[in-house]
Amino acid sequence: MIRSFTSGLARPLLFLSLGLLFCPAAQALSPLLERALPAVVLQAPSSVPGRAQGVTLPAQETAAVLVLARAGDTGQGLADSYGVDVSALSPRQPGKLPWGAVVRISLEDVAQTGSRNGAGQNGAGQLPPGVSTYAARSGDTLASVAYRHGLSVTELLSANLSRQTLDKLAVGDLLYVPSQPGLLVRIKPGQTVQGLVKAYKADAGQVATANGIGLPNELGVGDYLLLPGVLATGFRQELLARRERQAEAEKQARVQRQYEKYQAYAEQVKENRLRQTYAAQAQYEKFLAYQKSPARQKLIAQYEAQARYEAAQQAQKQQAQVQASVPRVSGSVRTASAASLDGGLSWPLRSYRITSRFGEADIEFHKQYFHGGVDLAAPYGTPIYAAAAGTVTESGAGDYGNNVYTDTGDALIIYGHMSRTAVSMGQHVSRGEVLGYVGCSGMCTGPHLHFEVRLSGRPVDPLGLLP
């Protein structure tokens, strides 16, 4: 770095010194410098962030400047001016320097120790004079703040690289607002002003003016550097992509929560169903145990005995009523309605044997229940004929196994215990027509026909109506 010969020439020589750092063509300003000073080679440190332009920086080399001593300069004074130790000077001479002497100053330690006044060491950092801060108010957005200060969103983001989202600003959020568009970076350990300028290909003169600096070591680690003309054009797209990723992540999380809620509900439903199944199974097993219990068997026996007693009482009552209402004619039981059966009935079987008569208590079942007909024994499959013409009102399984009921208009005739029937309900049959075949269905002790006649709903002795 070339120091000024007089204090009045300090600012013009600033651009001359930056020119030596960043533009070798500036050496043509002085033939003396061209002969006396070798070319200065400075490389930007590798830790400079390349977000805005996607810069990949070269490996770091030792940064150094060459200084032309003026009258009265000392080595210690030059070291103090650049914020380095005397050991960084070559030649290492702390005392008075001869006028015109070329001194090489290593700036390797400048980025590590900070600026002369300790800027950046307390964590606050020094802002360029053209950058102000703005505290967000209610309803503010990046777009509204940018528009209010004559900037685009990209230009505002370029000065706020620490922003993590494009969403609505929170009240009190601090934003850096530059007076001119540019990239605002914070100097990190291992970085230098000249290295950042070179890395981002910024204009050295514009950088010096925008940041109000005269020497490269006036800014240190933690200070902010504004690089005019450099914009983080890809930063906004990155934040948009981040917003999309965050929205997708929130959607996935929401779906996952809903799925977990459904899983919990399904598990609860399954558990409730199992609990109900177990309860029903326990109740059923309890019922089975009760069914086989001695107490229940005793109750069943008592109920059955009571039912048999009541049935016997009812049968005896009915039998007494029937016998009282049927007059005897020539030793045969006849009814007043017998004449209405078209001259009486015909036998339902061609060959038979009477095994049980009307009201006879010959077997255990007939002792319990009144026998309201006659039983005609015959071989299995013997045809059964209609004893009178009438309409079939029932055919199939009934009170007497497979049975057929016919209504003659004056009487209801029952043919019971058939092996199978040959007519259907609603069919009109004539006297002598086959109704079915002898069997032993229902409660029976052998193949036979239970033949029963009911007048006005009461059973009467069929033998009194047969020839």
Protein backbone atom coordinates (compact mmCIF):
# COMPACT_ATOMS: atom_id res chain seq x y z
CA MET A 1 0.00 0.00 0.00
CA ILE A 2 1.33 3.45 -0.95
CA ARG A 3 0.99 6.04 1.80
CA SER A 4 0.47 9.71 0.90
CA PHE A 5 3.44 12.12 0.98
CA THR A 6 1.30 14.93 2.48
CA SER A 7 -1.88 14.82 4.48
CA GLY A 8 -3.68 16.90 1.85
CA LEU A 9 -3.16 14.19 -0.76
CA ALA A 10 -4.50 11.33 1.43
CA ARG A 11 -7.85 10.75 -0.40
CA PRO A 12 -6.48 10.90 -4.01
CA LEU A 13 -3.67 8.54 -3.05
CA LEU A 14 -6.29 6.14 -1.57
CA PHE A 15 -7.49 5.27 -5.06
CA LEU A 16 -3.86 5.04 -6.19
CA SER A 17 -3.15 2.55 -3.40
CA LEU A 18 -6.31 0.51 -4.19
CA GLY A 19 -5.28 0.59 -7.82
CA LEU A 20 -1.99 -1.00 -6.87
CA LEU A 21 -3.90 -3.69 -5.00
CA PHE A 22 -6.63 -4.43 -7.53
CA CYS A 23 -5.56 -2.86 -10.84
CA PRO A 24 -1.90 -3.30 -11.89
CA ALA A 25 -2.41 -0.72 -14.68
CA ALA A 26 -2.42 2.02 -12.03
CA GLN A 27 1.33 1.51 -11.63
CA ALA A 28 1.78 3.57 -14.82
CA LEU A 29 1.01 6.69 -12.77
CA SER A 30 4.67 6.80 -11.71
CA PRO A 31 7.70 5.57 -13.72
CA LEU A 32 9.54 5.52 -10.41
CA LEU A 33 7.07 3.02 -8.98
CA GLU A 34 7.30 0.88 -12.09
CA ARG A 35 11.05 0.60 -11.60
CA ALA A 36 11.11 0.42 -7.80
CA LEU A 37 8.10 -1.81 -6.93
CA PRO A 38 7.56 -5.39 -8.04
CA ALA A 39 4.02 -6.56 -8.94
CA VAL A 40 1.83 -7.12 -5.86
CA VAL A 41 0.11 -10.54 -5.80
CA LEU A 42 -2.89 -10.80 -3.44
CA GLN A 43 -5.31 -13.71 -3.26
CA ALA A 44 -8.74 -13.70 -1.59
CA PRO A 45 -9.05 -16.14 1.30
CA SER A 46 -10.91 -19.39 0.59
CA SER A 47 -13.52 -18.74 3.28
CA VAL A 48 -15.23 -15.88 1.40
CA PRO A 49 -18.90 -16.91 0.86
CA GLY A 50 -19.88 -17.32 -2.81
CA ARG A 51 -23.66 -17.22 -2.40
CA ALA A 52 -24.44 -14.28 -4.70
CA GLN A 53 -22.44 -15.21 -7.79
CA GLY A 54 -21.57 -18.80 -7.03
CA VAL A 55 -17.83 -17.94 -6.77
CA THR A 56 -15.36 -20.70 -6.01
CA LEU A 57 -12.31 -18.99 -4.49
CA PRO A 58 -8.70 -20.07 -5.05
CA ALA A 59 -6.53 -21.37 -2.25
CA GLN A 60 -5.25 -18.68 0.12
CA GLU A 61 -1.77 -17.25 -0.30
CA THR A 62 0.04 -14.83 1.98
CA ALA A 63 -1.34 -11.27 1.51
CA ALA A 64 1.25 -8.49 1.44
CA VAL A 65 1.77 -4.87 0.32
CA LEU A 66 4.80 -2.87 -0.65
CA VAL A 67 5.22 0.63 0.87
CA LEU A 68 7.51 3.45 -0.35
CA ALA A 69 8.85 5.19 2.77
CA ARG A 70 8.73 8.98 2.99
CA ALA A 71 10.77 11.38 5.04
CA GLY A 72 10.40 10.76 8.77
CA ASP A 73 8.80 7.30 8.47
CA THR A 74 9.84 4.61 10.90
CA GLY A 75 9.27 0.86 10.78
CA GLN A 76 7.26 0.96 14.00
CA GLY A 77 5.07 3.71 12.58
CA LEU A 78 4.33 1.71 9.43
CA ALA A 79 3.54 -1.38 11.53
CA ASP A 80 1.16 0.62 13.68
CA SER A 81 -0.52 2.10 10.59
CA TYR A 82 -1.31 -1.37 9.23
CA GLY A 83 -2.12 -2.93 12.58
CA VAL A 84 0.72 -5.48 12.43
CA ASP A 85 3.80 -6.26 14.45
CA VAL A 86 7.22 -4.99 13.37
CA SER A 87 8.09 -8.62 12.65
CA ALA A 88 5.70 -8.43 9.64
CA LEU A 89 7.99 -5.83 7.96
CA SER A 90 10.76 -6.68 5.57
CA PRO A 91 13.32 -5.39 6.18
CA ARG A 92 12.51 -5.68 9.91
CA GLN A 93 13.61 -2.23 11.02
CA PRO A 94 11.61 -0.53 13.80
CA GLY A 95 13.65 2.68 13.62
CA LYS A 96 13.82 5.47 11.06
CA LEU A 97 13.60 4.45 7.43
CA PRO A 98 15.51 6.10 4.61
CA TRP A 99 13.40 8.15 2.22
CA GLY A 100 12.29 6.07 -0.79
CA ALA A 101 12.99 2.74 0.86
CA VAL A 102 10.68 -0.08 -0.28
CA VAL A 103 9.21 -1.98 2.70
CA ARG A 104 7.27 -5.23 2.31
CA ILE A 105 4.45 -5.57 4.91
CA SER A 106 2.82 -8.98 5.45
CA LEU A 107 -0.91 -8.64 6.10
CA GLU A 108 -1.46 -12.29 7.03
CA ASP A 109 -2.21 -11.40 10.66
CA VAL A 110 -4.47 -8.42 9.90
CA ALA A 111 -7.58 -10.54 9.27
CA GLN A 112 -6.90 -12.53 12.42
CA THR A 113 -6.29 -9.60 14.78
CA GLY A 114 -8.95 -7.20 13.40
CA SER A 115 -8.61 -3.51 12.65
CA ARG A 116 -6.55 -1.02 14.56
CA ASN A 117 -9.45 0.23 16.61
CA GLY A 118 -10.76 -3.26 17.48
CA ALA A 119 -13.85 -3.07 15.25
CA GLY A 120 -15.81 -6.33 15.12
CA GLN A 121 -14.20 -7.84 18.22
CA ASN A 122 -17.18 -7.04 20.42
CA GLY A 123 -19.62 -8.83 18.07
CA ALA A 124 -21.52 -5.68 17.04
CA GLY A 125 -19.62 -4.94 13.83
CA GLN A 126 -19.18 -1.64 12.01
CA LEU A 127 -21.71 -0.75 9.28
CA PRO A 128 -20.76 1.20 6.17
CA PRO A 129 -21.88 4.84 6.26
CA GLY A 130 -24.37 4.24 3.42
CA VAL A 131 -26.23 1.46 5.28
CA SER A 132 -29.00 2.15 7.81
CA THR A 133 -31.14 -0.15 9.93
CA TYR A 134 -34.92 -0.44 9.82
CA ALA A 135 -37.12 -2.05 12.49
CA ALA A 136 -40.13 -3.80 10.98
CA ARG A 137 -43.57 -2.55 11.94
CA SER A 138 -46.95 -4.28 11.98
CA GLY A 139 -48.00 -5.32 8.49
CA ASP A 140 -44.55 -4.88 6.96
CA THR A 141 -43.30 -7.25 4.26
CA LEU A 142 -39.99 -7.41 2.43
CA ALA A 143 -41.71 -6.05 -0.67
CA SER A 144 -43.28 -3.08 1.15
CA VAL A 145 -40.01 -2.17 2.92
CA ALA A 146 -38.06 -2.44 -0.34
CA TYR A 147 -40.60 -0.25 -2.17
CA ARG A 148 -40.57 2.34 0.62
CA HIS A 149 -36.77 2.72 0.26
CA GLY A 150 -36.67 2.61 -3.55
CA LEU A 151 -35.18 -0.88 -3.72
CA SER A 152 -36.23 -4.17 -5.27
CA VAL A 153 -36.75 -7.25 -3.11
CA THR A 154 -33.55 -8.76 -4.52
CA GLU A 155 -31.58 -5.58 -3.65
CA LEU A 156 -33.00 -5.59 -0.10
CA LEU A 157 -32.19 -9.30 0.31
CA SER A 158 -28.63 -8.68 -0.93
CA ALA A 159 -28.08 -6.51 2.15
CA ASN A 160 -29.76 -9.06 4.47
CA LEU A 161 -28.16 -12.39 3.72
CA SER A 162 -29.07 -13.69 7.16
CA ARG A 163 -32.80 -13.75 6.31
CA GLN A 164 -34.22 -17.26 6.55
CA THR A 165 -37.66 -16.67 5.03
CA LEU A 166 -39.63 -14.50 2.62
CA ASP A 167 -42.71 -14.63 4.79
CA LYS A 168 -44.24 -11.73 6.73
CA LEU A 169 -41.85 -9.80 8.94
CA ALA A 170 -42.24 -9.92 12.68
CA VAL A 171 -42.60 -6.62 14.49
CA GLY A 172 -39.12 -5.46 15.55
CA ASP A 173 -37.17 -7.48 12.95
CA LEU A 174 -34.08 -5.46 11.93
CA LEU A 175 -33.27 -4.98 8.26
CA TYR A 176 -30.18 -3.37 6.73
CA VAL A 177 -31.14 -0.80 4.09
CA PRO A 178 -28.29 0.33 1.76
CA SER A 179 -28.30 3.76 0.15
CA GLN A 180 -27.16 2.10 -3.06
CA PRO A 181 -27.74 -1.47 -4.24
CA GLY A 182 -24.99 -3.89 -3.33
CA LEU A 183 -24.02 -7.02 -1.47
CA LEU A 184 -23.53 -6.50 2.29
CA VAL A 185 -21.16 -9.12 3.73
CA ARG A 186 -19.68 -9.50 7.18
CA ILE A 187 -15.95 -10.07 7.33
CA LYS A 188 -15.12 -13.45 8.80
CA PRO A 189 -11.88 -14.77 10.26
CA GLY A 190 -9.39 -15.34 7.47
CA GLN A 191 -11.01 -12.81 5.11
CA THR A 192 -9.69 -9.43 4.02
CA VAL A 193 -11.27 -6.45 2.29
CA GLN A 194 -9.10 -6.80 -0.77
CA GLY A 195 -9.79 -10.53 -0.94
CA LEU A 196 -13.56 -10.02 -0.83
CA VAL A 197 -13.38 -7.28 -3.48
CA LYS A 198 -11.45 -9.56 -5.78
CA ALA A 199 -13.59 -12.61 -5.05
CA TYR A 200 -16.83 -10.81 -5.94
CA LYS A 201 -15.20 -8.87 -8.81
CA ALA A 202 -16.34 -5.55 -7.33
CA ASP A 203 -15.02 -2.12 -8.35
CA ALA A 204 -12.30 -1.12 -5.86
CA GLY A 205 -13.04 2.61 -6.10
CA GLN A 206 -16.77 2.14 -5.55
CA VAL A 207 -16.09 -0.16 -2.59
CA ALA A 208 -13.78 2.41 -0.98
CA THR A 209 -16.30 5.24 -1.48
CA ALA A 210 -19.34 3.22 -0.32
CA ASN A 211 -17.57 2.05 2.85
CA GLY A 212 -15.64 5.26 3.58
CA ILE A 213 -12.31 3.49 4.02
CA GLY A 214 -8.79 4.66 3.16
CA LEU A 215 -6.72 1.67 4.27
CA PRO A 216 -7.57 -2.05 3.90
CA ASN A 217 -7.08 -2.71 7.61
CA GLU A 218 -9.65 -0.13 8.69
CA LEU A 219 -12.22 -2.93 8.63
CA GLY A 220 -11.72 -6.10 10.62
CA VAL A 221 -13.39 -9.35 11.51
CA GLY A 222 -17.08 -8.75 12.33
CA ASP A 223 -17.35 -5.47 10.37
CA TYR A 224 -19.67 -5.14 7.37
CA LEU A 225 -18.50 -4.46 3.84
CA LEU A 226 -20.82 -3.16 1.11
CA LEU A 227 -19.92 -4.27 -2.41
CA PRO A 228 -21.80 -1.93 -4.79
CA GLY A 229 -23.13 -3.45 -7.99
CA VAL A 230 -23.01 -7.02 -6.63
CA LEU A 231 -26.42 -8.60 -6.03
CA ALA A 232 -27.48 -11.92 -4.55
CA THR A 233 -29.66 -12.78 -7.55
CA GLY A 234 -30.03 -16.40 -6.53
CA PHE A 235 -30.81 -15.73 -2.86
CA ARG A 236 -34.49 -14.99 -3.44
CA GLN A 237 -34.91 -18.18 -5.45
CA GLU A 238 -33.22 -20.09 -2.67
CA LEU A 239 -35.64 -18.64 -0.11
CA LEU A 240 -38.57 -19.47 -2.39
CA ALA A 241 -37.33 -23.04 -2.72
CA ARG A 242 -36.85 -23.16 1.06
CA ARG A 243 -40.44 -21.96 1.53
CA GLU A 244 -41.69 -24.71 -0.80
CA ARG A 245 -39.64 -27.32 1.03
CA GLN A 246 -40.96 -26.07 4.37
CA ALA A 247 -44.55 -26.10 3.08
CA GLU A 248 -44.08 -29.63 1.78
CA ALA A 249 -42.53 -30.70 5.08
CA GLU A 250 -45.46 -29.19 6.99
CA LYS A 251 -47.89 -30.96 4.65
CA GLN A 252 -46.12 -34.27 5.19
CA ALA A 253 -46.12 -33.68 8.94
CA ARG A 254 -49.84 -32.88 8.83
CA VAL A 255 -50.55 -36.03 6.83
CA GLN A 256 -48.43 -38.04 9.24
CA ARG A 257 -50.32 -36.63 12.22
CA GLN A 258 -53.64 -37.47 10.58
CA TYR A 259 -52.41 -40.98 9.80
CA GLU A 260 -51.22 -41.49 13.37
CA LYS A 261 -54.56 -40.18 14.65
CA TYR A 262 -56.37 -42.65 12.38
CA GLN A 263 -54.08 -45.47 13.52
CA ALA A 264 -54.83 -44.65 17.14
CA TYR A 265 -58.57 -44.57 16.37
CA ALA A 266 -58.38 -47.90 14.51
CA GLU A 267 -56.48 -49.48 17.39
CA GLN A 268 -59.08 -48.18 19.83
CA VAL A 269 -61.93 -49.56 17.71
CA LYS A 270 -60.15 -52.91 17.45
CA GLU A 271 -59.58 -52.99 21.20
CA ASN A 272 -63.25 -52.14 21.87
CA ARG A 273 -64.41 -54.89 19.52
CA LEU A 274 -62.14 -57.43 21.18
CA ARG A 275 -63.39 -56.34 24.58
CA GLN A 276 -67.00 -56.75 23.42
CA THR A 277 -66.20 -60.14 21.90
CA TYR A 278 -64.57 -61.33 25.08
CA ALA A 279 -67.53 -60.06 27.13
CA ALA A 280 -70.03 -61.80 24.82
CA GLN A 281 -67.99 -65.02 24.93
CA ALA A 282 -67.90 -64.90 28.73
CA GLN A 283 -71.67 -64.31 28.83
CA TYR A 284 -72.27 -67.22 26.44
CA GLU A 285 -70.07 -69.56 28.45
CA LYS A 286 -71.92 -68.48 31.57
CA PHE A 287 -75.23 -69.30 29.83
CA LEU A 288 -73.94 -72.73 28.75
CA ALA A 289 -72.85 -73.46 32.29
CA TYR A 290 -76.29 -72.44 33.56
CA GLN A 291 -78.03 -74.65 31.00
CA LYS A 292 -76.19 -77.69 32.30
CA SER A 293 -76.51 -76.75 35.94
CA PRO A 294 -78.49 -79.04 38.32
CA ALA A 295 -80.63 -76.07 39.39
CA ARG A 296 -81.86 -75.51 35.83
CA GLN A 297 -82.50 -79.21 35.22
CA LYS A 298 -84.59 -79.31 38.39
CA LEU A 299 -86.61 -76.29 37.22
CA ILE A 300 -87.17 -77.89 33.81
CA ALA A 301 -88.47 -81.06 35.42
CA GLN A 302 -90.85 -79.04 37.58
CA TYR A 303 -92.13 -77.05 34.57
CA GLU A 304 -92.67 -80.20 32.51
CA ALA A 305 -94.57 -81.91 35.34
CA GLN A 306 -96.78 -78.85 35.71
CA ALA A 307 -97.41 -78.72 31.96
CA ARG A 308 -98.39 -82.40 31.86
CA TYR A 309 -100.75 -81.93 34.77
CA GLU A 310 -102.44 -78.91 33.17
CA ALA A 311 -102.71 -80.66 29.80
CA ALA A 312 -104.30 -83.72 31.41
CA GLN A 313 -106.79 -81.54 33.24
CA GLN A 314 -107.68 -79.71 30.01
CA ALA A 315 -108.03 -82.99 28.06
CA GLN A 316 -110.33 -84.48 30.66
CA LYS A 317 -112.46 -81.36 30.57
CA GLN A 318 -112.69 -81.41 26.77
CA GLN A 319 -113.50 -85.14 26.73
CA ALA A 320 -116.31 -84.65 29.23
CA GLN A 321 -117.75 -81.80 27.15
CA VAL A 322 -117.64 -83.83 23.90
CA GLN A 323 -119.20 -86.92 25.42
CA ALA A 324 -121.96 -84.80 26.96
CA SER A 325 -122.83 -83.20 23.59
CA VAL A 326 -122.88 -86.37 21.42
CA PRO A 327 -126.13 -88.50 21.60
CA ARG A 328 -125.90 -92.27 21.12
CA VAL A 329 -127.85 -93.84 18.23
CA SER A 330 -128.20 -97.67 18.10
CA GLY A 331 -124.99 -98.12 20.04
CA SER A 332 -122.99 -95.85 17.69
CA VAL A 333 -121.89 -92.32 18.39
CA ARG A 334 -123.59 -89.92 15.95
CA THR A 335 -123.64 -86.14 15.82
CA ALA A 336 -126.41 -83.80 14.88
CA SER A 337 -124.27 -82.62 11.99
CA ALA A 338 -123.56 -86.07 10.61
CA ALA A 339 -126.22 -85.72 8.00
CA SER A 340 -124.49 -82.64 6.66
CA LEU A 341 -121.44 -84.72 5.64
CA ASP A 342 -123.23 -85.95 2.50
CA GLY A 343 -124.28 -89.26 3.91
CA GLY A 344 -121.32 -89.68 6.30
CA LEU A 345 -117.65 -90.45 5.68
CA SER A 346 -115.84 -93.19 3.82
CA TRP A 347 -112.87 -95.04 5.29
CA PRO A 348 -109.55 -93.33 4.47
CA LEU A 349 -107.74 -96.68 4.17
CA ARG A 350 -108.66 -99.81 2.23
CA SER A 351 -106.85 -102.06 4.69
CA TYR A 352 -106.17 -101.14 8.29
CA ARG A 353 -106.28 -102.16 11.95
CA ILE A 354 -107.64 -99.91 14.69
CA THR A 355 -104.92 -99.59 17.33
CA SER A 356 -106.26 -96.68 19.41
CA ARG A 357 -109.77 -95.34 19.69
CA PHE A 358 -111.19 -91.88 20.34
CA GLY A 359 -110.27 -90.66 23.89
CA GLU A 360 -108.46 -93.89 24.69
CA ALA A 361 -105.52 -93.52 27.13
CA ASP A 362 -103.69 -96.61 25.94
CA ILE A 363 -100.14 -95.21 25.69
CA GLU A 364 -98.19 -92.74 27.81
CA PHE A 365 -98.67 -89.91 25.31
CA HIS A 366 -102.47 -90.46 25.25
CA LYS A 367 -102.42 -90.38 29.02
CA GLN A 368 -100.85 -86.94 29.00
CA TYR A 369 -102.80 -85.54 26.04
CA PHE A 370 -106.40 -86.33 25.04
CA HIS A 371 -106.58 -88.54 21.94
CA GLY A 372 -109.05 -86.76 19.68
CA GLY A 373 -109.13 -89.30 16.81
CA VAL A 374 -108.61 -92.94 15.89
CA ASP A 375 -105.32 -94.56 14.90
CA LEU A 376 -105.46 -96.90 11.90
CA ALA A 377 -102.31 -99.04 11.57
CA ALA A 378 -101.22 -99.99 8.04
CA PRO A 379 -97.98 -100.82 6.22
CA TYR A 380 -95.59 -97.96 5.45
CA GLY A 381 -96.56 -96.26 2.16
CA THR A 382 -100.19 -97.39 2.09
CA PRO A 383 -102.30 -94.81 0.12
CA ILE A 384 -104.55 -92.53 2.17
CA TYR A 385 -107.85 -91.43 0.56
CA ALA A 386 -110.08 -88.44 1.22
CA ALA A 387 -112.98 -89.47 3.49
CA ALA A 388 -115.08 -86.59 2.11
CA ALA A 389 -114.82 -83.91 -0.53
CA GLY A 390 -113.32 -80.61 0.57
CA THR A 391 -110.53 -78.02 0.28
CA VAL A 392 -106.97 -78.63 1.52
CA THR A 393 -106.17 -76.02 4.19
CA GLU A 394 -102.84 -77.47 5.32
CA SER A 395 -100.36 -79.88 3.71
CA GLY A 396 -96.95 -80.73 5.12
CA ALA A 397 -95.27 -80.52 8.52
CA GLY A 398 -97.65 -79.71 11.35
CA ASP A 399 -98.93 -80.90 14.71
CA TYR A 400 -99.10 -84.53 13.52
CA GLY A 401 -95.85 -84.80 11.54
CA ASN A 402 -96.60 -84.67 7.83
CA ASN A 403 -100.35 -84.08 7.83
CA VAL A 404 -103.20 -82.90 5.61
CA TYR A 405 -106.19 -80.84 6.77
CA THR A 406 -109.33 -80.67 4.61
CA ASP A 407 -112.35 -78.45 5.15
CA THR A 408 -115.64 -79.98 3.96
CA GLY A 409 -117.64 -76.90 4.87
CA ASP A 410 -119.21 -78.62 7.87
CA ALA A 411 -116.21 -80.37 9.39
CA LEU A 412 -112.42 -80.23 9.55
CA ILE A 413 -110.78 -83.61 8.84
CA ILE A 414 -107.17 -84.32 9.85
CA TYR A 415 -104.95 -87.03 8.32
CA GLY A 416 -101.71 -87.32 10.35
CA HIS A 417 -98.29 -89.03 10.52
CA MET A 418 -97.94 -89.42 6.69
CA SER A 419 -94.64 -90.43 5.13
CA ARG A 420 -95.40 -87.82 2.47
CA THR A 421 -98.32 -85.81 1.18
CA ALA A 422 -99.79 -85.86 -2.35
CA VAL A 423 -101.81 -82.64 -2.37
CA SER A 424 -101.07 -78.95 -1.83
CA MET A 425 -102.74 -76.23 0.21
CA GLY A 426 -105.79 -74.66 -1.48
CA GLN A 427 -106.41 -77.70 -3.69
CA HIS A 428 -109.99 -79.09 -3.91
CA VAL A 429 -110.17 -82.86 -3.45
CA SER A 430 -112.99 -85.31 -4.06
CA ARG A 431 -114.04 -88.21 -1.92
CA GLY A 432 -111.68 -91.13 -2.47
CA GLU A 433 -108.84 -89.00 -3.95
CA VAL A 434 -105.33 -89.90 -2.73
CA LEU A 435 -104.08 -87.38 -0.14
CA GLY A 436 -100.79 -89.03 0.86
CA TYR A 437 -99.21 -92.20 2.22
CA VAL A 438 -98.97 -93.91 5.60
CA GLY A 439 -95.82 -93.11 7.60
CA CYS A 440 -94.54 -92.47 11.10
CA SER A 441 -93.68 -88.77 11.15
CA GLY A 442 -94.12 -86.70 14.31
CA MET A 443 -94.92 -88.35 17.65
CA CYS A 444 -95.73 -91.98 16.82
CA THR A 445 -94.86 -95.55 17.80
CA GLY A 446 -95.19 -97.13 14.34
CA PRO A 447 -96.61 -96.53 10.84
CA HIS A 448 -100.26 -95.58 11.12
CA LEU A 449 -102.82 -92.90 10.18
CA HIS A 450 -104.19 -90.55 12.82
CA PHE A 451 -107.73 -89.81 11.56
CA GLU A 452 -109.55 -86.98 13.33
CA VAL A 453 -112.83 -85.13 12.69
CA ARG A 454 -113.68 -81.77 14.24
CA LEU A 455 -117.19 -80.30 14.23
CA SER A 456 -117.42 -76.61 15.15
CA GLY A 457 -113.76 -76.81 16.26
CA ARG A 458 -114.36 -79.76 18.65
CA PRO A 459 -113.03 -83.29 18.01
CA VAL A 460 -115.71 -86.01 17.76
CA ASP A 461 -115.44 -89.80 17.51
CA PRO A 462 -114.89 -90.54 13.76
CA LEU A 463 -116.23 -94.09 14.15
CA GLY A 464 -119.71 -92.65 14.62
CA LEU A 465 -119.48 -91.05 11.12
CA LEU A 466 -118.00 -94.04 9.28
CA PRO A 467 -120.09 -96.86 7.70
